[in-house]
Amino acid sequence: MKDLTDYYATVGFFRGQGFDEAHAYHHAHELMEVPMGLNEFHMQNILSEALELYADDAGTEIKTRTYEEAGLLTRDNGLIVEVEGRTFQLTIVKA
């Protein structure tokens, strides 16, 4: 994003998609931090998709939820992963 006009337009887009105000600002902020390239949000999606593919290939059930979906009070990106009755928490931070 180039400037605040783009930022607020992006917030408006997310609000139009049904996000509440806090989540709309959060997602717009993520996009503004890293305009191009891989970031924590992208890595979260890659890992989630990889786990889904693995579950399909292995014939097992794996449930994933983002920290946001699980309601965790953190600014970090991450996943809650449930496999065979066990729960794992994966925090994704850029090194």
PDB file of N, CA and C in Angstrom:
ATOM      1  N   MET A   1       0.830  -1.175   0.000  1.00  0.00           N
ATOM      2  CA  MET A   1       0.000   0.000   0.000  1.00  0.00           C
ATOM      3  C   MET A   1       0.877   1.243   0.000  1.00  0.00           C
ATOM      4  N   LYS A   2       0.405   2.274  -0.633  1.00  0.00           N
ATOM      5  CA  LYS A   2       1.221   3.466  -0.785  1.00  0.00           C
ATOM      6  C   LYS A   2       1.021   4.474   0.340  1.00  0.00           C
ATOM      7  N   ASP A   3      -0.222   4.715   0.752  1.00  0.00           N
ATOM      8  CA  ASP A   3      -0.454   5.767   1.731  1.00  0.00           C
ATOM      9  C   ASP A   3      -1.705   5.462   2.557  1.00  0.00           C
ATOM     10  N   LEU A   4      -2.092   6.427   3.377  1.00  0.00           N
ATOM     11  CA  LEU A   4      -3.245   6.226   4.252  1.00  0.00           C
ATOM     12  C   LEU A   4      -4.558   6.090   3.484  1.00  0.00           C
ATOM     13  N   THR A   5      -4.635   6.703   2.306  1.00  0.00           N
ATOM     14  CA  THR A   5      -5.839   6.554   1.493  1.00  0.00           C
ATOM     15  C   THR A   5      -6.040   5.088   1.130  1.00  0.00           C
ATOM     16  N   ASP A   6      -4.966   4.424   0.714  1.00  0.00           N
ATOM     17  CA  ASP A   6      -5.032   2.992   0.407  1.00  0.00           C
ATOM     18  C   ASP A   6      -5.374   2.188   1.655  1.00  0.00           C
ATOM     19  N   TYR A   7      -4.773   2.583   2.778  1.00  0.00           N
ATOM     20  CA  TYR A   7      -5.006   1.877   4.044  1.00  0.00           C
ATOM     21  C   TYR A   7      -6.481   1.901   4.411  1.00  0.00           C
ATOM     22  N   TYR A   8      -7.082   3.096   4.385  1.00  0.00           N
ATOM     23  CA  TYR A   8      -8.495   3.202   4.760  1.00  0.00           C
ATOM     24  C   TYR A   8      -9.414   2.574   3.724  1.00  0.00           C
ATOM     25  N   ALA A   9      -9.009   2.590   2.467  1.00  0.00           N
ATOM     26  CA  ALA A   9      -9.785   1.893   1.437  1.00  0.00           C
ATOM     27  C   ALA A   9      -9.763   0.387   1.698  1.00  0.00           C
ATOM     28  N   THR A  10      -8.612  -0.125   2.138  1.00  0.00           N
ATOM     29  CA  THR A  10      -8.480  -1.546   2.458  1.00  0.00           C
ATOM     30  C   THR A  10      -9.314  -1.902   3.684  1.00  0.00           C
ATOM     31  N   VAL A  11      -9.313  -1.024   4.685  1.00  0.00           N
ATOM     32  CA  VAL A  11     -10.172  -1.241   5.858  1.00  0.00           C
ATOM     33  C   VAL A  11     -11.629  -1.317   5.404  1.00  0.00           C
ATOM     34  N   GLY A  12     -12.030  -0.408   4.537  1.00  0.00           N
ATOM     35  CA  GLY A  12     -13.402  -0.416   4.013  1.00  0.00           C
ATOM     36  C   GLY A  12     -13.719  -1.697   3.259  1.00  0.00           C
ATOM     37  N   PHE A  13     -12.749  -2.182   2.501  1.00  0.00           N
ATOM     38  CA  PHE A  13     -12.944  -3.442   1.785  1.00  0.00           C
ATOM     39  C   PHE A  13     -13.215  -4.583   2.761  1.00  0.00           C
ATOM     40  N   PHE A  14     -12.366  -4.704   3.808  1.00  0.00           N
ATOM     41  CA  PHE A  14     -12.548  -5.778   4.778  1.00  0.00           C
ATOM     42  C   PHE A  14     -13.859  -5.625   5.539  1.00  0.00           C
ATOM     43  N   ARG A  15     -14.262  -4.388   5.841  1.00  0.00           N
ATOM     44  CA  ARG A  15     -15.558  -4.174   6.508  1.00  0.00           C
ATOM     45  C   ARG A  15     -16.688  -4.647   5.589  1.00  0.00           C
ATOM     46  N   GLY A  16     -16.539  -4.372   4.294  1.00  0.00           N
ATOM     47  CA  GLY A  16     -17.541  -4.816   3.326  1.00  0.00           C
ATOM     48  C   GLY A  16     -17.600  -6.330   3.187  1.00  0.00           C
ATOM     49  N   GLN A  17     -16.498  -6.999   3.519  1.00  0.00           N
ATOM     50  CA  GLN A  17     -16.452  -8.465   3.459  1.00  0.00           C
ATOM     51  C   GLN A  17     -17.022  -9.105   4.720  1.00  0.00           C
ATOM     52  N   GLY A  18     -17.451  -8.277   5.688  1.00  0.00           N
ATOM     53  CA  GLY A  18     -18.070  -8.811   6.888  1.00  0.00           C
ATOM     54  C   GLY A  18     -17.187  -8.844   8.118  1.00  0.00           C
ATOM     55  N   PHE A  19     -15.950  -8.341   8.014  1.00  0.00           N
ATOM     56  CA  PHE A  19     -15.069  -8.294   9.173  1.00  0.00           C
ATOM     57  C   PHE A  19     -15.551  -7.205  10.121  1.00  0.00           C
ATOM     58  N   ASP A  20     -15.426  -7.445  11.432  1.00  0.00           N
ATOM     59  CA  ASP A  20     -15.723  -6.366  12.370  1.00  0.00           C
ATOM     60  C   ASP A  20     -14.605  -5.327  12.265  1.00  0.00           C
ATOM     61  N   GLU A  21     -14.806  -4.190  12.918  1.00  0.00           N
ATOM     62  CA  GLU A  21     -13.868  -3.080  12.742  1.00  0.00           C
ATOM     63  C   GLU A  21     -12.443  -3.439  13.162  1.00  0.00           C
ATOM     64  N   ALA A  22     -12.298  -4.100  14.303  1.00  0.00           N
ATOM     65  CA  ALA A  22     -10.956  -4.440  14.792  1.00  0.00           C
ATOM     66  C   ALA A  22     -10.223  -5.359  13.827  1.00  0.00           C
ATOM     67  N   HIS A  23     -10.910  -6.370  13.319  1.00  0.00           N
ATOM     68  CA  HIS A  23     -10.273  -7.304  12.390  1.00  0.00           C
ATOM     69  C   HIS A  23      -9.971  -6.638  11.049  1.00  0.00           C
ATOM     70  N   ALA A  24     -10.841  -5.740  10.608  1.00  0.00           N
ATOM     71  CA  ALA A  24     -10.593  -5.022   9.354  1.00  0.00           C
ATOM     72  C   ALA A  24      -9.322  -4.191   9.453  1.00  0.00           C
ATOM     73  N   TYR A  25      -9.155  -3.485  10.567  1.00  0.00           N
ATOM     74  CA  TYR A  25      -7.940  -2.690  10.758  1.00  0.00           C
ATOM     75  C   TYR A  25      -6.710  -3.584  10.892  1.00  0.00           C
ATOM     76  N   HIS A  26      -6.872  -4.709  11.585  1.00  0.00           N
ATOM     77  CA  HIS A  26      -5.754  -5.639  11.760  1.00  0.00           C
ATOM     78  C   HIS A  26      -5.245  -6.153  10.407  1.00  0.00           C
ATOM     79  N   HIS A  27      -6.156  -6.598   9.554  1.00  0.00           N
ATOM     80  CA  HIS A  27      -5.753  -7.127   8.252  1.00  0.00           C
ATOM     81  C   HIS A  27      -5.164  -6.029   7.363  1.00  0.00           C
ATOM     82  N   ALA A  28      -5.738  -4.826   7.414  1.00  0.00           N
ATOM     83  CA  ALA A  28      -5.194  -3.727   6.626  1.00  0.00           C
ATOM     84  C   ALA A  28      -3.788  -3.380   7.108  1.00  0.00           C
ATOM     85  N   HIS A  29      -3.587  -3.415   8.419  1.00  0.00           N
ATOM     86  CA  HIS A  29      -2.266  -3.141   8.984  1.00  0.00           C
ATOM     87  C   HIS A  29      -1.243  -4.174   8.508  1.00  0.00           C
ATOM     88  N   GLU A  30      -1.641  -5.453   8.486  1.00  0.00           N
ATOM     89  CA  GLU A  30      -0.736  -6.498   7.997  1.00  0.00           C
ATOM     90  C   GLU A  30      -0.323  -6.238   6.559  1.00  0.00           C
ATOM     91  N   LEU A  31      -1.269  -5.847   5.736  1.00  0.00           N
ATOM     92  CA  LEU A  31      -0.950  -5.585   4.334  1.00  0.00           C
ATOM     93  C   LEU A  31      -0.041  -4.361   4.189  1.00  0.00           C
ATOM     94  N   MET A  32      -0.203  -3.388   5.062  1.00  0.00           N
ATOM     95  CA  MET A  32       0.607  -2.185   4.968  1.00  0.00           C
ATOM     96  C   MET A  32       2.044  -2.428   5.430  1.00  0.00           C
ATOM     97  N   GLU A  33       2.243  -3.346   6.383  1.00  0.00           N
ATOM     98  CA  GLU A  33       3.587  -3.625   6.896  1.00  0.00           C
ATOM     99  C   GLU A  33       4.507  -4.207   5.837  1.00  0.00           C
ATOM    100  N   VAL A  34       4.010  -5.140   5.064  1.00  0.00           N
ATOM    101  CA  VAL A  34       4.826  -5.799   4.048  1.00  0.00           C
ATOM    102  C   VAL A  34       4.059  -5.752   2.728  1.00  0.00           C
ATOM    103  N   PRO A  35       4.325  -4.720   1.915  1.00  0.00           N
ATOM    104  CA  PRO A  35       3.543  -4.566   0.688  1.00  0.00           C
ATOM    105  C   PRO A  35       3.733  -5.700  -0.317  1.00  0.00           C
ATOM    106  N   MET A  36       4.900  -6.305  -0.346  1.00  0.00           N
ATOM    107  CA  MET A  36       5.133  -7.387  -1.292  1.00  0.00           C
ATOM    108  C   MET A  36       5.937  -8.470  -0.592  1.00  0.00           C
ATOM    109  N   GLY A  37       5.833  -9.669  -1.081  1.00  0.00           N
ATOM    110  CA  GLY A  37       6.655 -10.745  -0.545  1.00  0.00           C
ATOM    111  C   GLY A  37       5.988 -11.509   0.576  1.00  0.00           C
ATOM    112  N   LEU A  38       6.728 -12.454   1.089  1.00  0.00           N
ATOM    113  CA  LEU A  38       6.238 -13.365   2.109  1.00  0.00           C
ATOM    114  C   LEU A  38       6.237 -12.702   3.479  1.00  0.00           C
ATOM    115  N   ASN A  39       5.129 -12.844   4.210  1.00  0.00           N
ATOM    116  CA  ASN A  39       5.069 -12.365   5.585  1.00  0.00           C
ATOM    117  C   ASN A  39       4.420 -13.445   6.452  1.00  0.00           C
ATOM    118  N   GLU A  40       4.201 -13.137   7.726  1.00  0.00           N
ATOM    119  CA  GLU A  40       3.660 -14.114   8.657  1.00  0.00           C
ATOM    120  C   GLU A  40       2.275 -14.611   8.237  1.00  0.00           C
ATOM    121  N   PHE A  41       1.459 -13.703   7.719  1.00  0.00           N
ATOM    122  CA  PHE A  41       0.116 -14.072   7.265  1.00  0.00           C
ATOM    123  C   PHE A  41       0.187 -15.082   6.119  1.00  0.00           C
ATOM    124  N   HIS A  42       1.086 -14.845   5.157  1.00  0.00           N
ATOM    125  CA  HIS A  42       1.249 -15.774   4.037  1.00  0.00           C
ATOM    126  C   HIS A  42       1.765 -17.136   4.521  1.00  0.00           C
ATOM    127  N   MET A  43       2.731 -17.118   5.444  1.00  0.00           N
ATOM    128  CA  MET A  43       3.282 -18.361   5.975  1.00  0.00           C
ATOM    129  C   MET A  43       2.198 -19.161   6.705  1.00  0.00           C
ATOM    130  N   GLN A  44       1.327 -18.472   7.435  1.00  0.00           N
ATOM    131  CA  GLN A  44       0.211 -19.122   8.118  1.00  0.00           C
ATOM    132  C   GLN A  44      -0.671 -19.860   7.115  1.00  0.00           C
ATOM    133  N   ASN A  45      -0.968 -19.214   6.000  1.00  0.00           N
ATOM    134  CA  ASN A  45      -1.799 -19.846   4.961  1.00  0.00           C
ATOM    135  C   ASN A  45      -1.091 -21.030   4.315  1.00  0.00           C
ATOM    136  N   ILE A  46       0.204 -20.893   4.067  1.00  0.00           N
ATOM    137  CA  ILE A  46       0.980 -21.987   3.473  1.00  0.00           C
ATOM    138  C   ILE A  46       0.960 -23.207   4.385  1.00  0.00           C
ATOM    139  N   LEU A  47       1.215 -22.988   5.682  1.00  0.00           N
ATOM    140  CA  LEU A  47       1.226 -24.103   6.633  1.00  0.00           C
ATOM    141  C   LEU A  47      -0.152 -24.752   6.762  1.00  0.00           C
ATOM    142  N   SER A  48      -1.186 -23.945   6.791  1.00  0.00           N
ATOM    143  CA  SER A  48      -2.544 -24.481   6.898  1.00  0.00           C
ATOM    144  C   SER A  48      -2.885 -25.362   5.697  1.00  0.00           C
ATOM    145  N   GLU A  49      -2.560 -24.877   4.504  1.00  0.00           N
ATOM    146  CA  GLU A  49      -2.815 -25.647   3.286  1.00  0.00           C
ATOM    147  C   GLU A  49      -1.968 -26.922   3.249  1.00  0.00           C
ATOM    148  N   ALA A  50      -0.718 -26.837   3.685  1.00  0.00           N
ATOM    149  CA  ALA A  50       0.150 -28.020   3.709  1.00  0.00           C
ATOM    150  C   ALA A  50      -0.393 -29.076   4.659  1.00  0.00           C
ATOM    151  N   LEU A  51      -0.897 -28.649   5.805  1.00  0.00           N
ATOM    152  CA  LEU A  51      -1.485 -29.599   6.756  1.00  0.00           C
ATOM    153  C   LEU A  51      -2.740 -30.258   6.187  1.00  0.00           C
ATOM    154  N   GLU A  52      -3.542 -29.499   5.461  1.00  0.00           N
ATOM    155  CA  GLU A  52      -4.728 -30.070   4.815  1.00  0.00           C
ATOM    156  C   GLU A  52      -4.332 -31.124   3.781  1.00  0.00           C
ATOM    157  N   LEU A  53      -3.327 -30.825   2.965  1.00  0.00           N
ATOM    158  CA  LEU A  53      -2.859 -31.785   1.967  1.00  0.00           C
ATOM    159  C   LEU A  53      -2.300 -33.039   2.629  1.00  0.00           C
ATOM    160  N   TYR A  54      -1.531 -32.859   3.687  1.00  0.00           N
ATOM    161  CA  TYR A  54      -0.986 -33.997   4.412  1.00  0.00           C
ATOM    162  C   TYR A  54      -2.116 -34.860   4.973  1.00  0.00           C
ATOM    163  N   ALA A  55      -3.123 -34.244   5.554  1.00  0.00           N
ATOM    164  CA  ALA A  55      -4.252 -34.989   6.128  1.00  0.00           C
ATOM    165  C   ALA A  55      -4.955 -35.809   5.058  1.00  0.00           C
ATOM    166  N   ASP A  56      -5.150 -35.222   3.882  1.00  0.00           N
ATOM    167  CA  ASP A  56      -5.791 -35.948   2.780  1.00  0.00           C
ATOM    168  C   ASP A  56      -4.950 -37.145   2.351  1.00  0.00           C
ATOM    169  N   ASP A  57      -3.644 -36.945   2.207  1.00  0.00           N
ATOM    170  CA  ASP A  57      -2.751 -38.024   1.781  1.00  0.00           C
ATOM    171  C   ASP A  57      -2.629 -39.124   2.831  1.00  0.00           C
ATOM    172  N   ALA A  58      -2.576 -38.734   4.095  1.00  0.00           N
ATOM    173  CA  ALA A  58      -2.382 -39.700   5.184  1.00  0.00           C
ATOM    174  C   ALA A  58      -3.687 -40.345   5.635  1.00  0.00           C
ATOM    175  N   GLY A  59      -4.806 -39.809   5.176  1.00  0.00           N
ATOM    176  CA  GLY A  59      -6.097 -40.363   5.572  1.00  0.00           C
ATOM    177  C   GLY A  59      -6.421 -40.117   7.036  1.00  0.00           C
ATOM    178  N   THR A  60      -5.956 -39.007   7.559  1.00  0.00           N
ATOM    179  CA  THR A  60      -6.228 -38.657   8.949  1.00  0.00           C
ATOM    180  C   THR A  60      -6.937 -37.317   8.991  1.00  0.00           C
ATOM    181  N   GLU A  61      -7.529 -37.016  10.118  1.00  0.00           N
ATOM    182  CA  GLU A  61      -8.223 -35.741  10.254  1.00  0.00           C
ATOM    183  C   GLU A  61      -7.341 -34.764  11.029  1.00  0.00           C
ATOM    184  N   ILE A  62      -7.114 -33.620  10.426  1.00  0.00           N
ATOM    185  CA  ILE A  62      -6.371 -32.548  11.069  1.00  0.00           C
ATOM    186  C   ILE A  62      -7.228 -31.288  10.965  1.00  0.00           C
ATOM    187  N   LYS A  63      -7.500 -30.696  12.109  1.00  0.00           N
ATOM    188  CA  LYS A  63      -8.265 -29.453  12.139  1.00  0.00           C
ATOM    189  C   LYS A  63      -7.325 -28.308  12.451  1.00  0.00           C
ATOM    190  N   THR A  64      -7.429 -27.235  11.680  1.00  0.00           N
ATOM    191  CA  THR A  64      -6.615 -26.054  11.944  1.00  0.00           C
ATOM    192  C   THR A  64      -7.518 -24.842  12.116  1.00  0.00           C
ATOM    193  N   ARG A  65      -7.128 -23.970  13.021  1.00  0.00           N
ATOM    194  CA  ARG A  65      -7.781 -22.679  13.208  1.00  0.00           C
ATOM    195  C   ARG A  65      -6.681 -21.644  13.399  1.00  0.00           C
ATOM    196  N   THR A  66      -6.886 -20.481  12.859  1.00  0.00           N
ATOM    197  CA  THR A  66      -5.920 -19.409  13.098  1.00  0.00           C
ATOM    198  C   THR A  66      -6.101 -18.912  14.529  1.00  0.00           C
ATOM    199  N   TYR A  67      -5.098 -18.222  15.020  1.00  0.00           N
ATOM    200  CA  TYR A  67      -5.214 -17.626  16.357  1.00  0.00           C
ATOM    201  C   TYR A  67      -6.433 -16.706  16.408  1.00  0.00           C
ATOM    202  N   GLU A  68      -6.637 -15.981  15.325  1.00  0.00           N
ATOM    203  CA  GLU A  68      -7.769 -15.054  15.259  1.00  0.00           C
ATOM    204  C   GLU A  68      -9.093 -15.815  15.355  1.00  0.00           C
ATOM    205  N   GLU A  69      -9.223 -16.895  14.600  1.00  0.00           N
ATOM    206  CA  GLU A  69     -10.451 -17.704  14.644  1.00  0.00           C
ATOM    207  C   GLU A  69     -10.667 -18.331  16.017  1.00  0.00           C
ATOM    208  N   ALA A  70      -9.574 -18.694  16.687  1.00  0.00           N
ATOM    209  CA  ALA A  70      -9.661 -19.319  18.004  1.00  0.00           C
ATOM    210  C   ALA A  70      -9.871 -18.294  19.117  1.00  0.00           C
ATOM    211  N   GLY A  71      -9.757 -17.017  18.788  1.00  0.00           N
ATOM    212  CA  GLY A  71      -9.981 -15.965  19.769  1.00  0.00           C
ATOM    213  C   GLY A  71      -8.814 -15.722  20.715  1.00  0.00           C
ATOM    214  N   LEU A  72      -7.609 -16.127  20.321  1.00  0.00           N
ATOM    215  CA  LEU A  72      -6.434 -15.883  21.163  1.00  0.00           C
ATOM    216  C   LEU A  72      -6.113 -14.395  21.187  1.00  0.00           C
ATOM    217  N   LEU A  73      -5.795 -13.903  22.344  1.00  0.00           N
ATOM    218  CA  LEU A  73      -5.482 -12.486  22.496  1.00  0.00           C
ATOM    219  C   LEU A  73      -3.985 -12.278  22.293  1.00  0.00           C
ATOM    220  N   THR A  74      -3.594 -12.216  21.035  1.00  0.00           N
ATOM    221  CA  THR A  74      -2.194 -12.014  20.678  1.00  0.00           C
ATOM    222  C   THR A  74      -2.133 -11.282  19.347  1.00  0.00           C
ATOM    223  N   ARG A  75      -1.034 -10.612  19.121  1.00  0.00           N
ATOM    224  CA  ARG A  75      -0.826  -9.947  17.832  1.00  0.00           C
ATOM    225  C   ARG A  75      -0.063 -10.851  16.877  1.00  0.00           C
ATOM    226  N   ASP A  76       0.434 -11.992  17.380  1.00  0.00           N
ATOM    227  CA  ASP A  76       1.161 -12.941  16.543  1.00  0.00           C
ATOM    228  C   ASP A  76       0.212 -13.689  15.618  1.00  0.00           C
ATOM    229  N   ASN A  77       0.744 -14.133  14.508  1.00  0.00           N
ATOM    230  CA  ASN A  77       0.017 -15.045  13.645  1.00  0.00           C
ATOM    231  C   ASN A  77       0.349 -16.455  14.098  1.00  0.00           C
ATOM    232  N   GLY A  78      -0.568 -17.378  13.875  1.00  0.00           N
ATOM    233  CA  GLY A  78      -0.302 -18.746  14.246  1.00  0.00           C
ATOM    234  C   GLY A  78      -1.499 -19.637  14.020  1.00  0.00           C
ATOM    235  N   LEU A  79      -1.303 -20.904  14.302  1.00  0.00           N
ATOM    236  CA  LEU A  79      -2.342 -21.907  14.092  1.00  0.00           C
ATOM    237  C   LEU A  79      -2.517 -22.755  15.338  1.00  0.00           C
ATOM    238  N   ILE A  80      -3.757 -23.139  15.591  1.00  0.00           N
ATOM    239  CA  ILE A  80      -4.084 -24.174  16.553  1.00  0.00           C
ATOM    240  C   ILE A  80      -4.355 -25.410  15.707  1.00  0.00           C
ATOM    241  N   VAL A  81      -3.617 -26.481  15.949  1.00  0.00           N
ATOM    242  CA  VAL A  81      -3.717 -27.690  15.132  1.00  0.00           C
ATOM    243  C   VAL A  81      -4.154 -28.848  16.025  1.00  0.00           C
ATOM    244  N   GLU A  82      -5.245 -29.510  15.633  1.00  0.00           N
ATOM    245  CA  GLU A  82      -5.741 -30.667  16.372  1.00  0.00           C
ATOM    246  C   GLU A  82      -5.521 -31.923  15.529  1.00  0.00           C
ATOM    247  N   VAL A  83      -4.751 -32.871  16.098  1.00  0.00           N
ATOM    248  CA  VAL A  83      -4.415 -34.123  15.413  1.00  0.00           C
ATOM    249  C   VAL A  83      -4.596 -35.267  16.403  1.00  0.00           C
ATOM    250  N   GLU A  84      -5.427 -36.233  16.054  1.00  0.00           N
ATOM    251  CA  GLU A  84      -5.616 -37.433  16.858  1.00  0.00           C
ATOM    252  C   GLU A  84      -5.841 -37.122  18.336  1.00  0.00           C
ATOM    253  N   GLY A  85      -6.707 -36.155  18.607  1.00  0.00           N
ATOM    254  CA  GLY A  85      -7.035 -35.830  19.987  1.00  0.00           C
ATOM    255  C   GLY A  85      -6.026 -34.967  20.713  1.00  0.00           C
ATOM    256  N   ARG A  86      -4.979 -34.595  20.045  1.00  0.00           N
ATOM    257  CA  ARG A  86      -3.958 -33.734  20.655  1.00  0.00           C
ATOM    258  C   ARG A  86      -4.003 -32.355  20.003  1.00  0.00           C
ATOM    259  N   THR A  87      -3.709 -31.340  20.778  1.00  0.00           N
ATOM    260  CA  THR A  87      -3.749 -29.969  20.277  1.00  0.00           C
ATOM    261  C   THR A  87      -2.357 -29.352  20.343  1.00  0.00           C
ATOM    262  N   PHE A  88      -1.985 -28.708  19.251  1.00  0.00           N
ATOM    263  CA  PHE A  88      -0.694 -28.036  19.149  1.00  0.00           C
ATOM    264  C   PHE A  88      -0.924 -26.568  18.802  1.00  0.00           C
ATOM    265  N   GLN A  89      -0.023 -25.737  19.264  1.00  0.00           N
ATOM    266  CA  GLN A  89      -0.074 -24.313  18.972  1.00  0.00           C
ATOM    267  C   GLN A  89       1.196 -23.931  18.223  1.00  0.00           C
ATOM    268  N   LEU A  90       1.037 -23.396  17.010  1.00  0.00           N
ATOM    269  CA  LEU A  90       2.176 -22.984  16.195  1.00  0.00           C
ATOM    270  C   LEU A  90       2.167 -21.466  16.054  1.00  0.00           C
ATOM    271  N   THR A  91       3.152 -20.808  16.618  1.00  0.00           N
ATOM    272  CA  THR A  91       3.272 -19.352  16.502  1.00  0.00           C
ATOM    273  C   THR A  91       4.217 -19.051  15.351  1.00  0.00           C
ATOM    274  N   ILE A  92       3.823 -18.103  14.517  1.00  0.00           N
ATOM    275  CA  ILE A  92       4.603 -17.753  13.328  1.00  0.00           C
ATOM    276  C   ILE A  92       5.109 -16.321  13.496  1.00  0.00           C
ATOM    277  N   VAL A  93       6.412 -16.185  13.632  1.00  0.00           N
ATOM    278  CA  VAL A  93       7.037 -14.869  13.721  1.00  0.00           C
ATOM    279  C   VAL A  93       8.197 -14.814  12.729  1.00  0.00           C
ATOM    280  N   LYS A  94       8.377 -13.657  12.145  1.00  0.00           N
ATOM    281  CA  LYS A  94       9.456 -13.496  11.180  1.00  0.00           C
ATOM    282  C   LYS A  94      10.775 -13.368  11.934  1.00  0.00           C
ATOM    283  N   ALA A  95      11.752 -14.161  11.544  1.00  0.00           N
ATOM    284  CA  ALA A  95      13.076 -14.144  12.211  1.00  0.00           C
ATOM    285  C   ALA A  95      13.957 -13.077  11.614  1.00  0.00           C
TER     286      ALA A  95
END
